[in-house]
Protein backbone atom coordinates (compact mmCIF):
# COMPACT_ATOMS: atom_id res chain seq x y z
CA MET A 1 0.10 -54.61 -0.17
CA SER A 2 -2.91 -55.77 -2.16
CA ASP A 3 -5.94 -53.49 -2.24
CA ALA A 4 -8.20 -56.56 -2.03
CA MET A 5 -9.75 -57.17 1.37
CA LEU A 6 -11.63 -60.26 0.14
CA ARG A 7 -10.71 -62.40 -2.83
CA LEU A 8 -12.45 -65.54 -4.09
CA SER A 9 -10.69 -67.46 -6.86
CA GLY A 10 -12.26 -70.38 -8.71
CA VAL A 11 -14.61 -71.25 -5.86
CA GLU A 12 -16.75 -74.33 -6.41
CA LYS A 13 -19.48 -75.84 -4.25
CA VAL A 14 -21.51 -78.99 -4.94
CA TYR A 15 -24.26 -80.41 -2.77
CA ASN A 16 -25.23 -84.07 -2.87
CA ARG A 17 -29.04 -84.33 -2.82
CA GLY A 18 -29.14 -88.10 -2.52
CA GLN A 19 -31.41 -89.72 -5.08
CA THR A 20 -31.78 -86.44 -6.97
CA GLY A 21 -28.01 -86.32 -7.53
CA GLU A 22 -25.53 -83.50 -7.26
CA VAL A 23 -26.44 -79.82 -7.38
CA ARG A 24 -23.61 -77.58 -8.57
CA VAL A 25 -24.17 -74.23 -6.86
CA LEU A 26 -20.89 -72.41 -7.48
CA MET A 27 -18.77 -73.22 -10.52
CA GLY A 28 -15.50 -71.32 -10.55
CA ALA A 29 -16.74 -68.15 -8.85
CA ASP A 30 -14.25 -65.27 -8.79
CA LEU A 31 -14.77 -62.10 -6.74
CA VAL A 32 -12.63 -59.24 -5.46
CA LEU A 33 -13.82 -56.85 -2.76
CA ALA A 34 -11.53 -53.85 -2.33
CA ARG A 35 -10.78 -52.07 0.92
CA GLY A 36 -13.56 -49.65 1.79
CA GLU A 37 -15.78 -50.82 -1.06
CA MET A 38 -19.53 -51.46 -0.79
CA VAL A 39 -20.69 -53.99 -3.38
CA ALA A 40 -24.15 -55.37 -4.16
CA LEU A 41 -24.59 -59.05 -5.05
CA VAL A 42 -27.80 -59.56 -6.99
CA ALA A 43 -29.32 -62.92 -7.90
CA PRO A 44 -32.68 -64.69 -7.67
CA SER A 45 -33.52 -66.96 -4.77
CA GLY A 46 -31.71 -70.27 -4.97
CA ALA A 47 -28.89 -68.98 -7.17
CA GLY A 48 -26.24 -69.47 -4.49
CA LYS A 49 -25.93 -66.05 -2.84
CA SER A 50 -26.05 -67.44 0.69
CA THR A 51 -23.61 -70.21 -0.18
CA LEU A 52 -21.12 -67.72 -1.57
CA LEU A 53 -21.44 -65.47 1.49
CA HIS A 54 -21.00 -68.41 3.87
CA ILE A 55 -17.84 -69.51 2.08
CA ALA A 56 -16.50 -65.95 1.95
CA GLY A 57 -17.18 -65.54 5.67
CA LEU A 58 -15.63 -68.89 6.69
CA LEU A 59 -18.94 -70.38 7.81
CA ASP A 60 -18.58 -73.04 5.09
CA THR A 61 -15.76 -74.43 3.01
CA ALA A 62 -15.48 -74.62 -0.76
CA ASP A 63 -14.99 -77.89 -2.60
CA ALA A 64 -12.37 -76.18 -4.74
CA GLY A 65 -10.85 -72.75 -5.14
CA ARG A 66 -9.29 -70.23 -2.81
CA VAL A 67 -10.52 -67.65 -0.30
CA GLU A 68 -8.25 -64.84 0.88
CA ILE A 69 -8.98 -62.26 3.57
CA GLY A 70 -6.60 -59.34 3.76
CA GLY A 71 -4.19 -61.25 1.52
CA GLU A 72 -4.10 -64.31 3.81
CA ASP A 73 -5.07 -67.65 2.29
CA MET A 74 -7.86 -69.26 4.31
CA THR A 75 -7.36 -72.72 2.78
CA GLY A 76 -6.41 -75.46 5.19
CA LEU A 77 -6.73 -73.44 8.38
CA SER A 78 -7.67 -75.23 11.59
CA ASP A 79 -11.22 -74.87 12.88
CA ARG A 80 -9.92 -72.81 15.81
CA ARG A 81 -8.10 -70.39 13.53
CA ARG A 82 -11.13 -70.08 11.24
CA THR A 83 -13.37 -69.34 14.23
CA THR A 84 -10.99 -66.66 15.51
CA LEU A 85 -10.72 -64.98 12.11
CA ARG A 86 -14.47 -65.12 11.60
CA ARG A 87 -15.10 -63.48 14.98
CA GLN A 88 -12.48 -60.76 14.51
CA GLU A 89 -12.48 -60.05 10.78
CA VAL A 90 -16.01 -60.69 9.50
CA GLY A 91 -19.38 -59.28 10.50
CA PHE A 92 -22.60 -61.00 9.39
CA VAL A 93 -26.09 -59.59 8.89
CA TYR A 94 -29.04 -61.74 7.84
CA GLN A 95 -32.58 -61.10 6.61
CA PHE A 96 -33.87 -61.97 10.08
CA HIS A 97 -32.12 -60.21 12.95
CA HIS A 98 -31.46 -63.32 15.13
CA LEU A 99 -31.09 -61.20 18.25
CA LEU A 100 -31.03 -63.07 21.55
CA PRO A 101 -34.53 -62.43 22.96
CA GLU A 102 -33.58 -62.60 26.64
CA PHE A 103 -31.04 -59.79 26.35
CA THR A 104 -31.48 -56.06 25.76
CA ALA A 105 -30.36 -54.30 22.61
CA LEU A 106 -27.26 -53.08 24.43
CA GLU A 107 -26.43 -56.55 25.73
CA ASN A 108 -26.83 -58.07 22.26
CA VAL A 109 -24.10 -55.71 21.00
CA VAL A 110 -21.93 -56.21 24.08
CA LEU A 111 -21.89 -60.02 24.03
CA PRO A 112 -19.72 -60.60 20.92
CA GLN A 113 -17.18 -58.19 22.35
CA LEU A 114 -17.03 -60.06 25.65
CA ALA A 115 -16.50 -63.27 23.69
CA ASP A 116 -13.48 -61.61 22.09
CA GLY A 117 -12.00 -60.65 25.45
CA VAL A 118 -13.05 -56.99 25.60
CA ALA A 119 -13.65 -55.54 29.08
CA ARG A 120 -17.33 -55.00 29.85
CA ARG A 121 -17.05 -51.24 30.39
CA THR A 122 -15.27 -50.83 27.05
CA ALA A 123 -17.77 -53.12 25.33
CA GLU A 124 -20.74 -51.17 26.68
CA ALA A 125 -19.24 -47.87 25.55
CA ARG A 126 -18.69 -49.26 22.06
CA ALA A 127 -22.24 -50.66 21.98
CA ARG A 128 -23.82 -47.37 23.03
CA GLU A 129 -21.80 -45.50 20.41
CA LEU A 130 -22.99 -47.81 17.63
CA LEU A 131 -26.62 -47.78 18.76
CA GLU A 132 -26.60 -43.97 18.89
CA GLN A 133 -25.07 -43.86 15.43
CA VAL A 134 -28.03 -45.72 13.89
CA GLY A 135 -30.66 -43.86 15.89
CA VAL A 136 -31.67 -46.46 18.46
CA GLY A 137 -29.60 -45.30 21.41
CA ALA A 138 -32.74 -44.49 23.38
CA ARG A 139 -33.87 -48.11 22.94
CA ALA A 140 -30.68 -49.64 24.33
CA GLY A 141 -32.41 -51.03 27.41
CA HIS A 142 -35.25 -52.71 25.52
CA ARG A 143 -35.41 -56.38 24.60
CA PRO A 144 -35.97 -57.31 20.94
CA SER A 145 -39.69 -58.03 21.50
CA ALA A 146 -40.20 -54.37 22.42
CA LEU A 147 -38.49 -53.10 19.27
CA SER A 148 -39.92 -52.62 15.79
CA GLY A 149 -38.61 -54.71 12.90
CA GLY A 150 -36.49 -51.82 11.66
CA GLU A 151 -35.08 -51.20 15.14
CA GLN A 152 -34.24 -54.87 15.57
CA GLN A 153 -32.33 -54.92 12.30
CA ARG A 154 -30.40 -51.79 13.24
CA VAL A 155 -29.34 -53.49 16.45
CA ALA A 156 -28.27 -56.49 14.38
CA PHE A 157 -26.09 -54.19 12.26
CA CYS A 158 -24.45 -52.84 15.42
CA ARG A 159 -23.83 -56.36 16.71
CA ALA A 160 -22.19 -57.30 13.40
CA LEU A 161 -19.82 -54.33 13.67
CA ALA A 162 -19.20 -54.60 17.40
CA ASN A 163 -15.75 -56.21 17.05
CA SER A 164 -14.66 -53.75 14.33
CA PRO A 165 -14.41 -56.32 11.51
CA ARG A 166 -12.72 -55.47 8.24
CA ILE A 167 -15.44 -57.18 6.17
CA LEU A 168 -19.23 -57.07 6.42
CA LEU A 169 -21.30 -59.74 4.69
CA ALA A 170 -25.05 -59.16 4.55
CA ASP A 171 -27.65 -61.55 3.17
CA GLU A 172 -30.84 -59.68 2.18
CA PRO A 173 -30.54 -57.39 5.23
CA THR A 174 -33.72 -55.45 4.40
CA GLY A 175 -35.65 -58.28 2.75
CA ASN A 176 -38.02 -58.74 5.70
CA LEU A 177 -39.03 -55.07 5.90
CA ASP A 178 -41.62 -52.91 4.15
CA PRO A 179 -40.26 -50.53 1.46
CA GLY A 180 -40.25 -47.41 3.62
CA THR A 181 -38.56 -49.08 6.56
CA SER A 182 -36.18 -50.87 4.21
CA ASP A 183 -34.90 -47.56 2.84
CA GLN A 184 -34.38 -46.11 6.33
CA VAL A 185 -32.64 -49.23 7.61
CA PHE A 186 -30.36 -49.43 4.59
CA ALA A 187 -29.41 -45.79 5.13
CA ALA A 188 -28.36 -46.72 8.67
CA LEU A 189 -26.30 -49.63 7.37
CA GLU A 190 -24.66 -47.45 4.73
CA LEU A 191 -23.75 -44.89 7.38
CA LEU A 192 -22.06 -47.53 9.52
CA VAL A 193 -20.15 -48.96 6.55
CA ARG A 194 -18.97 -45.63 5.19
CA ASP A 195 -17.97 -44.25 8.59
CA SER A 196 -16.01 -47.37 9.54
CA GLY A 197 -14.31 -47.73 6.16
CA LEU A 198 -14.87 -51.46 6.09
CA SER A 199 -15.51 -53.56 2.97
CA ALA A 200 -19.08 -54.74 2.50
CA LEU A 201 -20.64 -57.38 0.24
CA ILE A 202 -24.42 -57.12 0.41
CA ALA A 203 -26.76 -59.62 -1.24
CA THR A 204 -30.07 -58.02 -2.19
CA HIS A 205 -32.88 -58.34 -4.69
CA ASN A 206 -33.70 -54.64 -4.29
CA LEU A 207 -32.22 -52.98 -7.37
CA GLU A 208 -32.81 -49.47 -5.99
CA LEU A 209 -30.67 -50.26 -2.96
CA ALA A 210 -28.10 -52.01 -5.13
CA ALA A 211 -27.74 -48.87 -7.25
CA ARG A 212 -26.62 -46.91 -4.16
CA MET A 213 -23.53 -49.07 -3.75
CA ASP A 214 -20.16 -48.78 -5.49
CA ARG A 215 -20.65 -51.74 -7.81
CA ILE A 216 -23.23 -54.38 -8.69
CA LEU A 217 -22.30 -58.03 -9.21
CA ARG A 218 -24.59 -60.86 -10.28
CA LEU A 219 -24.51 -64.60 -9.78
CA ASP A 220 -25.12 -66.29 -13.13
CA GLN A 221 -24.98 -70.08 -13.42
CA GLY A 222 -22.59 -70.42 -10.52
CA ARG A 223 -20.24 -67.62 -11.54
CA VAL A 224 -19.92 -63.99 -10.50
CA VAL A 225 -20.32 -61.45 -13.31
CA ALA A 226 -20.52 -57.68 -13.48
CA GLY A 227 -24.03 -56.32 -13.00
């Protein structure tokens, strides 16, 4: 069995900007994320970090190349199969939490589990466990508007891990927070990742946070290179 949980091989992505012509974002990008590994992806804004994460997480398709998750080739899968794999195998975290404002913190973590067929009692127990783990268990009954920015992002982490994915993809997960809160929130994310043993690819411009991960990769002219 391969040790690679996520593998990108020769991934290319081109956007047609109309009169301005084509923009080549990814040009033969290769990446391997091992089981249990936490890797930083560093690149300036506009370099293609989000595009790469979306392709890796099956939110978008590449124009060329191959994406494998757990050794399974994702090329040519039906939309239904891609949606199922994305819900079960991949957790996403973004710079902005995107919590549903009408639901409590607990409910936000419960909902993706219900969508995957988990019984409500089981889903609530899992949600409470995750929220306690990142230090916001006492805030489980509050809606996002009553939570601080750091608390909201911690809840978003729990939601991303609610269905016990094997891969976590995070796009500037602390980029919207002040430095002190950013450090605390990243510590909570690192705790979740290490305790669950999942594989994590985290895009960040914060080099101090990147240095706390197992490896650093950079996007350079559409290709992934060692940091």
